[in-house]
Amino acid sequence: MTPMTLYRRALIVFLLLLGGLANLSAQSGVAFFKGSWKEVLEASKTQGKLIFVDAYTEWCGPCKAMVRNTFPNETVADYFNKNFISYSFDMEKGEGIAFAQKYQVNAYPTLLWIDPLGEIVHQALGYRAPTELMVDAEKANRPENLLAIYEVQYNAGILDPQVLLNVAMARQLKKTDFQSPAKAYFATQSDKDLLSAANWEAIKLLSSDFNSREIQYLLKARNSFVKQYGEGAVDTKLRETAEKTVRDAGANHDRAVCDAVISGFNKYVKDNGRAAARMDMVYTGTSGDWKGYAEKASIYFEKYPVTDATQLTWAARNVATYVTEPALLEAAAVWARQAVALSPQYEPYLAQAMVYEMLGKNNEATLAANLAIRYAQLNKIDPKEASALLDRLQH
């Protein structure tokens, strides 16, 4: 074999190795989408992922540093390639010019996370080392930021359980209507499925109707849930859901619903009648019978000592607002004093001032109103109600 033949073979091997290394390099690091911005948005919809945009310019040093140091990082690449459609383009060329104007990109690099509807859900400015970029990525990928993705899937008729749950959870976090997808989701779950840890979390966040199928199952299978998740957590969820349903029943003047909830609750949860007494009290108030509410509250707070300042404050305010009988107002004054002792803050002091004003105890009302305003200022709360009350007392 001649020296020239050996040279040619060595060159071919070298070129093959070089090509392999180049291909490996192309496959490593964050994989950036090739195509137009419109195509990226479509890919976001079909793949159900946020778009990560690296908005750069050719002259930007920190942009080039991220290309060298951050995007090739294995941890960054694994996370981004799994969770995002990544897109990188020059803000001074082609589509980048219009993009920069639309999204007001004027510093580089600008790192944006955008949903399929073209809305920014998170952004960061400047160079990010791998660990720093991961912090931003995880913030961007929070469930509340994925609502548009889930809505696109939901509106497209993709109604598998995970999509239904995703939509319901994201809407709940956004404080928008989540009941329809939640109900549809729970309908896909068997009784056995409802006992799972994931569904327990879903029940806690999404179930607010005591008569819903999942809450009724929680009642009947209470012992099993208690064994897995603790008596306190299970009974708290049952009480909160029962009370909300009773409150809604009161607003609709539907005593039959209230009685059915109390009966169902008492059948499975033994608490010496405490929850039932509170529900009866709540129903009476929300149905508009505030004198009856005050009477029931007096009995309730005497029989079942309360250490929740919020409950005491709410009761005292309602009596001060809707009741004129001195004996009931005196009882409310006791609750307000207890609330202040438990939590010396704006709301308890305001409730106390309101009760004292109704009782004609102007000196005590003035003192409580001034304390309410002081705590409002400390906690940056608008003291409008307390200030108005103080004005009434002084004129």
Protein backbone atom coordinates (compact mmCIF):
# COMPACT_ATOMS: atom_id res chain seq x y z
CA MET A 1 0.00 0.00 0.00
CA THR A 2 1.51 3.28 -1.13
CA PRO A 3 1.96 6.26 1.21
CA MET A 4 -0.63 8.14 -0.89
CA THR A 5 -3.20 5.35 -0.34
CA LEU A 6 -2.57 5.36 3.40
CA TYR A 7 -2.96 9.13 3.45
CA ARG A 8 -6.27 8.97 1.60
CA ARG A 9 -7.60 6.31 3.98
CA ALA A 10 -6.53 8.28 7.02
CA LEU A 11 -8.17 11.40 5.58
CA ILE A 12 -11.44 9.53 4.96
CA VAL A 13 -11.44 8.18 8.54
CA PHE A 14 -10.71 11.64 9.88
CA LEU A 15 -13.53 13.19 7.85
CA LEU A 16 -15.96 10.49 8.97
CA LEU A 17 -15.00 11.07 12.60
CA LEU A 18 -15.28 14.79 12.14
CA GLY A 19 -18.74 14.37 10.58
CA GLY A 20 -19.80 12.17 13.46
CA LEU A 21 -18.62 14.68 16.00
CA ALA A 22 -20.37 17.48 14.12
CA ASN A 23 -23.59 15.47 14.07
CA LEU A 24 -23.24 14.73 17.80
CA SER A 25 -22.69 18.40 18.45
CA ALA A 26 -25.79 19.28 16.43
CA GLN A 27 -27.85 16.85 18.48
CA SER A 28 -26.54 17.95 21.87
CA GLY A 29 -27.74 20.98 23.80
CA VAL A 30 -31.05 22.77 23.49
CA ALA A 31 -32.76 21.84 20.22
CA PHE A 32 -34.00 25.00 18.50
CA PHE A 33 -37.01 24.81 16.18
CA LYS A 34 -36.39 25.57 12.50
CA GLY A 35 -39.22 27.39 10.77
CA SER A 36 -41.36 30.52 10.86
CA TRP A 37 -42.93 32.11 13.92
CA LYS A 38 -46.37 31.01 12.70
CA GLU A 39 -45.11 27.43 12.49
CA VAL A 40 -43.73 27.66 16.02
CA LEU A 41 -47.12 28.74 17.35
CA GLU A 42 -48.80 25.84 15.55
CA ALA A 43 -46.23 23.42 16.97
CA SER A 44 -46.93 24.79 20.44
CA LYS A 45 -50.64 24.00 20.00
CA THR A 46 -50.13 20.50 18.61
CA GLN A 47 -47.37 19.49 21.02
CA GLY A 48 -48.91 21.13 24.08
CA LYS A 49 -45.76 23.01 25.10
CA LEU A 50 -44.78 26.59 25.84
CA ILE A 51 -42.44 28.34 23.41
CA PHE A 52 -39.07 29.44 24.76
CA VAL A 53 -37.67 32.34 22.73
CA ASP A 54 -34.03 33.37 22.77
CA ALA A 55 -34.23 36.91 21.36
CA TYR A 56 -30.70 37.97 20.39
CA THR A 57 -28.64 40.18 18.07
CA GLU A 58 -25.42 39.35 16.26
CA TRP A 59 -23.43 41.95 18.19
CA CYS A 60 -24.65 40.85 21.66
CA GLY A 61 -21.79 39.37 23.70
CA PRO A 62 -23.95 37.87 26.50
CA CYS A 63 -26.13 36.23 23.82
CA LYS A 64 -23.08 34.47 22.37
CA ALA A 65 -21.96 33.48 25.88
CA MET A 66 -25.29 31.72 26.45
CA VAL A 67 -24.86 29.83 23.17
CA ARG A 68 -21.41 28.71 24.35
CA ASN A 69 -22.06 28.08 28.03
CA THR A 70 -25.76 27.68 28.79
CA PHE A 71 -27.67 26.08 25.93
CA PRO A 72 -25.22 23.14 25.59
CA ASN A 73 -25.59 22.29 29.30
CA GLU A 74 -26.98 18.77 29.67
CA THR A 75 -29.44 19.61 32.47
CA VAL A 76 -30.75 22.65 30.60
CA ALA A 77 -31.02 20.73 27.35
CA ASP A 78 -32.88 17.79 28.90
CA TYR A 79 -35.42 20.04 30.60
CA PHE A 80 -35.95 22.42 27.67
CA ASN A 81 -36.19 19.70 25.03
CA LYS A 82 -38.78 17.90 27.13
CA ASN A 83 -40.90 20.86 28.21
CA PHE A 84 -40.56 23.65 25.63
CA ILE A 85 -40.38 24.33 21.93
CA SER A 86 -37.25 26.46 21.76
CA TYR A 87 -36.86 29.17 19.15
CA SER A 88 -33.96 31.54 18.59
CA PHE A 89 -33.89 34.46 16.21
CA ASP A 90 -32.18 37.77 15.54
CA MET A 91 -34.25 40.80 16.56
CA GLU A 92 -32.69 42.90 13.80
CA LYS A 93 -33.42 40.61 10.87
CA GLY A 94 -36.45 39.10 9.14
CA GLU A 95 -39.38 38.24 11.41
CA GLY A 96 -37.33 39.29 14.40
CA ILE A 97 -37.91 42.99 13.65
CA ALA A 98 -41.71 42.74 13.92
CA PHE A 99 -41.38 40.38 16.89
CA ALA A 100 -39.18 42.88 18.76
CA GLN A 101 -41.73 45.63 18.14
CA LYS A 102 -44.72 43.54 19.21
CA TYR A 103 -43.13 42.24 22.41
CA GLN A 104 -41.12 45.42 23.13
CA VAL A 105 -37.77 43.66 23.09
CA ASN A 106 -35.06 46.28 23.51
CA ALA A 107 -32.41 44.55 25.64
CA TYR A 108 -30.39 41.46 24.79
CA PRO A 109 -30.64 38.67 25.37
CA THR A 110 -34.35 38.77 26.17
CA LEU A 111 -35.65 35.34 27.14
CA LEU A 112 -39.38 34.83 26.73
CA TRP A 113 -41.78 32.00 27.46
CA ILE A 114 -44.88 32.33 25.28
CA ASP A 115 -48.09 30.30 25.18
CA PRO A 116 -49.83 29.06 21.96
CA LEU A 117 -51.97 32.20 21.87
CA GLY A 118 -48.86 34.36 21.69
CA GLU A 119 -49.07 35.66 25.26
CA ILE A 120 -45.96 36.05 27.40
CA VAL A 121 -46.21 33.99 30.60
CA HIS A 122 -42.67 34.64 31.87
CA GLN A 123 -39.60 36.58 30.80
CA ALA A 124 -36.02 37.24 31.83
CA LEU A 125 -33.44 39.77 30.71
CA GLY A 126 -29.72 39.33 30.35
CA TYR A 127 -27.25 36.49 30.51
CA ARG A 128 -28.31 33.39 32.43
CA ALA A 129 -25.93 30.69 33.58
CA PRO A 130 -27.38 27.16 33.46
CA THR A 131 -28.59 27.15 37.09
CA GLU A 132 -30.12 30.62 36.69
CA LEU A 133 -31.90 29.68 33.48
CA MET A 134 -33.34 26.57 35.14
CA VAL A 135 -34.89 28.73 37.88
CA ASP A 136 -36.64 30.83 35.24
CA ALA A 137 -37.69 27.76 33.27
CA GLU A 138 -39.36 26.17 36.27
CA LYS A 139 -41.18 29.43 37.07
CA ALA A 140 -42.42 29.61 33.49
CA ASN A 141 -43.60 26.01 33.50
CA ARG A 142 -45.94 26.41 36.50
CA PRO A 143 -49.46 25.02 35.92
CA GLU A 144 -51.13 28.45 35.95
CA ASN A 145 -48.95 29.48 32.98
CA LEU A 146 -50.02 26.44 30.96
CA LEU A 147 -53.74 27.28 30.93
CA ALA A 148 -53.73 28.40 27.29
CA ILE A 149 -52.16 25.09 26.24
CA TYR A 150 -54.75 23.10 28.15
CA GLU A 151 -57.58 25.29 26.83
CA VAL A 152 -56.45 24.72 23.24
CA GLN A 153 -56.53 20.97 23.81
CA TYR A 154 -59.86 21.13 25.68
CA ASN A 155 -61.52 23.30 23.01
CA ALA A 156 -60.20 20.97 20.32
CA GLY A 157 -62.24 18.19 21.91
CA ILE A 158 -59.33 16.36 23.53
CA LEU A 159 -61.17 15.21 26.64
CA ASP A 160 -58.96 12.51 28.06
CA PRO A 161 -58.71 12.57 31.89
CA GLN A 162 -55.33 14.28 32.03
CA VAL A 163 -56.44 17.16 29.81
CA LEU A 164 -59.65 17.60 31.86
CA LEU A 165 -57.65 17.62 35.08
CA ASN A 166 -55.06 20.02 33.67
CA VAL A 167 -57.74 22.48 32.54
CA ALA A 168 -59.60 22.30 35.84
CA MET A 169 -56.44 22.77 37.93
CA ALA A 170 -55.12 25.64 35.81
CA ARG A 171 -58.49 27.42 35.87
CA GLN A 172 -58.71 26.99 39.62
CA LEU A 173 -55.29 28.59 40.04
CA LYS A 174 -56.39 31.44 37.76
CA LYS A 175 -59.63 31.84 39.75
CA THR A 176 -61.82 31.21 36.69
CA ASP A 177 -64.68 28.72 36.22
CA PHE A 178 -63.28 25.23 36.71
CA GLN A 179 -66.40 23.30 37.69
CA SER A 180 -67.32 21.88 34.27
CA PRO A 181 -63.94 20.27 33.47
CA ALA A 182 -63.61 19.17 37.10
CA LYS A 183 -66.97 17.42 37.03
CA ALA A 184 -66.09 15.78 33.72
CA TYR A 185 -62.74 14.66 35.12
CA PHE A 186 -64.17 13.07 38.27
CA ALA A 187 -66.72 11.24 36.10
CA THR A 188 -63.79 9.40 34.44
CA GLN A 189 -62.48 8.13 37.79
CA SER A 190 -63.67 4.95 39.48
CA ASP A 191 -64.33 4.81 43.21
CA LYS A 192 -61.01 3.04 43.66
CA ASP A 193 -59.26 5.73 41.61
CA LEU A 194 -60.67 8.45 43.87
CA LEU A 195 -58.61 7.08 46.77
CA SER A 196 -55.32 7.81 44.98
CA ALA A 197 -53.02 10.54 46.25
CA ALA A 198 -53.39 12.50 43.01
CA ASN A 199 -57.17 12.45 43.25
CA TRP A 200 -57.12 13.39 46.92
CA GLU A 201 -55.24 16.53 45.89
CA ALA A 202 -57.77 17.08 43.10
CA ILE A 203 -60.68 16.68 45.53
CA LYS A 204 -59.15 19.17 47.96
CA LEU A 205 -58.68 21.80 45.25
CA LEU A 206 -61.61 21.23 42.91
CA SER A 207 -64.55 19.85 44.90
CA SER A 208 -66.82 22.41 46.53
CA ASP A 209 -70.28 20.82 46.27
CA PHE A 210 -71.20 18.55 49.18
CA ASN A 211 -73.61 16.66 46.95
CA SER A 212 -71.04 15.93 44.25
CA ARG A 213 -70.23 12.31 43.55
CA GLU A 214 -66.62 12.58 44.78
CA ILE A 215 -67.54 14.25 48.10
CA GLN A 216 -70.31 11.74 48.69
CA TYR A 217 -67.76 8.98 48.10
CA LEU A 218 -65.33 10.74 50.44
CA LEU A 219 -68.04 10.62 53.11
CA LYS A 220 -68.83 6.94 52.61
CA ALA A 221 -65.19 5.91 52.36
CA ARG A 222 -64.13 8.33 55.09
CA ASN A 223 -62.30 5.66 57.13
CA SER A 224 -60.18 4.68 54.12
CA PHE A 225 -59.32 8.31 53.37
CA VAL A 226 -58.55 8.98 57.03
CA LYS A 227 -56.20 6.01 57.12
CA GLN A 228 -54.25 7.37 54.16
CA TYR A 229 -54.45 11.13 54.60
CA GLY A 230 -55.30 11.82 58.26
CA GLU A 231 -58.51 12.57 60.11
CA GLY A 232 -57.85 16.29 60.42
CA ALA A 233 -57.35 16.86 56.68
CA VAL A 234 -60.30 14.71 55.64
CA ASP A 235 -62.79 16.15 58.12
CA THR A 236 -61.65 19.70 57.41
CA LYS A 237 -62.40 19.18 53.71
CA LEU A 238 -65.80 17.68 54.52
CA ARG A 239 -66.68 20.55 56.89
CA GLU A 240 -65.58 23.25 54.45
CA THR A 241 -67.51 21.70 51.57
CA ALA A 242 -70.62 21.12 53.67
CA GLU A 243 -70.57 24.70 54.95
CA LYS A 244 -70.17 26.17 51.46
CA THR A 245 -73.12 24.13 50.21
CA VAL A 246 -75.19 25.28 53.19
CA ARG A 247 -74.19 28.90 52.55
CA ASP A 248 -75.34 28.57 48.94
CA ALA A 249 -78.57 26.96 50.14
CA GLY A 250 -79.14 29.90 52.49
CA ALA A 251 -78.72 32.37 49.64
CA ASN A 252 -81.36 30.38 47.73
CA HIS A 253 -83.62 29.97 50.80
CA ASP A 254 -83.50 26.19 50.37
CA ARG A 255 -83.80 24.75 53.86
CA ALA A 256 -84.23 21.21 52.51
CA VAL A 257 -80.73 21.23 51.05
CA CYS A 258 -79.30 22.56 54.31
CA ASP A 259 -81.02 19.83 56.35
CA ALA A 260 -79.87 17.12 53.92
CA VAL A 261 -76.25 18.31 54.16
CA ILE A 262 -76.35 18.38 57.97
CA SER A 263 -77.91 14.93 58.09
CA GLY A 264 -75.36 13.47 55.68
CA PHE A 265 -72.46 15.04 57.52
CA ASN A 266 -73.64 13.83 60.93
CA LYS A 267 -74.06 10.29 59.63
CA TYR A 268 -70.35 9.87 59.02
CA VAL A 269 -68.56 12.51 61.11
CA LYS A 270 -68.98 12.53 64.89
CA ASP A 271 -68.03 15.87 66.45
CA ASN A 272 -70.62 16.35 69.19
CA GLY A 273 -72.86 18.31 66.86
CA ARG A 274 -70.44 21.20 66.45
CA ALA A 275 -70.35 21.35 62.65
CA ALA A 276 -74.12 20.92 62.42
CA ALA A 277 -74.70 23.81 64.84
CA ARG A 278 -72.37 26.04 62.87
CA MET A 279 -74.02 25.11 59.56
CA ASP A 280 -77.44 25.88 61.01
CA MET A 281 -76.11 29.25 62.17
CA VAL A 282 -74.57 30.02 58.77
CA TYR A 283 -77.74 29.06 56.92
CA THR A 284 -79.83 31.32 59.12
CA GLY A 285 -77.60 34.30 58.43
CA THR A 286 -77.16 33.81 54.70
CA SER A 287 -80.93 33.34 54.32
CA GLY A 288 -81.37 36.84 55.76
CA ASP A 289 -82.60 36.05 59.28
CA TRP A 290 -79.88 37.98 61.07
CA LYS A 291 -81.67 38.16 64.41
CA GLY A 292 -82.00 34.38 64.33
CA TYR A 293 -78.34 34.19 63.29
CA ALA A 294 -77.27 36.27 66.29
CA GLU A 295 -79.30 34.10 68.65
CA LYS A 296 -77.83 30.89 67.23
CA ALA A 297 -74.33 32.39 67.26
CA SER A 298 -74.69 33.25 70.97
CA ILE A 299 -75.54 29.64 71.74
CA TYR A 300 -72.84 28.28 69.41
CA PHE A 301 -69.96 30.37 70.78
CA GLU A 302 -70.95 29.58 74.35
CA LYS A 303 -71.21 25.82 73.78
CA TYR A 304 -68.24 25.46 71.44
CA PRO A 305 -65.39 27.84 72.40
CA VAL A 306 -63.77 29.22 69.25
CA THR A 307 -60.12 30.17 68.85
CA ASP A 308 -60.48 31.33 65.25
CA ALA A 309 -60.35 35.13 65.18
CA THR A 310 -61.78 35.21 61.66
CA GLN A 311 -64.97 33.40 62.73
CA LEU A 312 -65.46 35.66 65.72
CA THR A 313 -64.79 38.79 63.68
CA TRP A 314 -67.20 37.76 60.92
CA ALA A 315 -69.95 37.04 63.46
CA ALA A 316 -69.44 40.32 65.32
CA ARG A 317 -69.50 42.35 62.09
CA ASN A 318 -72.71 40.71 60.91
CA VAL A 319 -74.49 41.38 64.17
CA ALA A 320 -73.26 44.99 64.20
CA THR A 321 -74.47 45.43 60.62
CA TYR A 322 -77.89 43.80 60.78
CA VAL A 323 -79.04 43.59 64.43
CA THR A 324 -80.23 46.28 66.84
CA GLU A 325 -81.16 44.32 69.99
CA PRO A 326 -78.81 45.48 72.81
CA ALA A 327 -78.46 42.00 74.37
CA LEU A 328 -77.32 40.50 71.06
CA LEU A 329 -74.96 43.42 70.43
CA GLU A 330 -73.44 42.90 73.89
CA ALA A 331 -72.81 39.27 72.95
CA ALA A 332 -71.16 40.44 69.72
CA ALA A 333 -68.95 42.79 71.75
CA VAL A 334 -67.65 39.77 73.66
CA TRP A 335 -66.82 37.98 70.39
CA ALA A 336 -65.04 41.08 69.08
CA ARG A 337 -62.94 41.35 72.26
CA GLN A 338 -62.02 37.68 71.91
CA ALA A 339 -61.07 38.22 68.26
CA VAL A 340 -58.86 41.19 69.16
CA ALA A 341 -57.15 39.15 71.90
CA LEU A 342 -56.48 36.33 69.44
CA SER A 343 -55.42 38.57 66.55
CA PRO A 344 -54.87 42.29 67.23
CA GLN A 345 -55.23 43.39 63.61
CA TYR A 346 -57.33 45.71 61.47
CA GLU A 347 -60.42 43.56 60.90
CA PRO A 348 -60.99 42.51 64.55
CA TYR A 349 -60.54 46.09 65.79
CA LEU A 350 -62.89 47.35 63.07
CA ALA A 351 -65.55 44.81 64.11
CA GLN A 352 -65.13 45.90 67.72
CA ALA A 353 -65.54 49.56 66.75
CA MET A 354 -68.69 48.73 64.76
CA VAL A 355 -70.29 46.90 67.70
CA TYR A 356 -69.43 49.68 70.17
CA GLU A 357 -70.84 52.29 67.80
CA MET A 358 -74.14 50.39 67.63
CA LEU A 359 -74.20 50.18 71.43
CA GLY A 360 -73.65 53.92 71.70
CA LYS A 361 -70.29 53.44 73.45
CA ASN A 362 -68.55 56.18 71.50
CA ASN A 363 -65.35 56.37 73.54
CA GLU A 364 -64.72 52.62 73.18
CA ALA A 365 -65.67 52.79 69.49
CA THR A 366 -63.24 55.67 68.90
CA LEU A 367 -60.39 53.83 70.58
CA ALA A 368 -61.05 50.63 68.57
CA ALA A 369 -61.34 52.59 65.29
CA ASN A 370 -58.02 54.36 65.92
CA LEU A 371 -56.34 51.03 66.66
CA ALA A 372 -57.85 49.58 63.47
CA ILE A 373 -56.40 52.46 61.45
CA ARG A 374 -52.99 52.03 63.09
CA TYR A 375 -52.86 48.34 62.17
CA ALA A 376 -54.10 49.12 58.66
CA GLN A 377 -51.20 51.53 58.19
CA LEU A 378 -48.70 48.99 59.54
CA ASN A 379 -49.99 46.33 57.12
CA LYS A 380 -50.59 48.68 54.18
CA ILE A 381 -54.36 48.08 54.22
CA ASP A 382 -56.89 50.71 53.15
CA PRO A 383 -58.56 51.84 56.43
CA LYS A 384 -61.54 53.36 54.60
CA GLU A 385 -64.24 51.71 56.74
CA ALA A 386 -62.54 52.54 60.03
CA SER A 387 -61.90 56.14 58.91
CA ALA A 388 -65.53 56.57 57.89
CA LEU A 389 -66.66 55.18 61.24
CA LEU A 390 -64.33 57.58 63.06
CA ASP A 391 -65.72 60.50 61.06
CA ARG A 392 -69.25 59.54 62.09
CA LEU A 393 -68.25 59.45 65.73
CA GLN A 394 -66.60 62.86 65.57
CA HIS A 395 -69.49 64.69 63.89
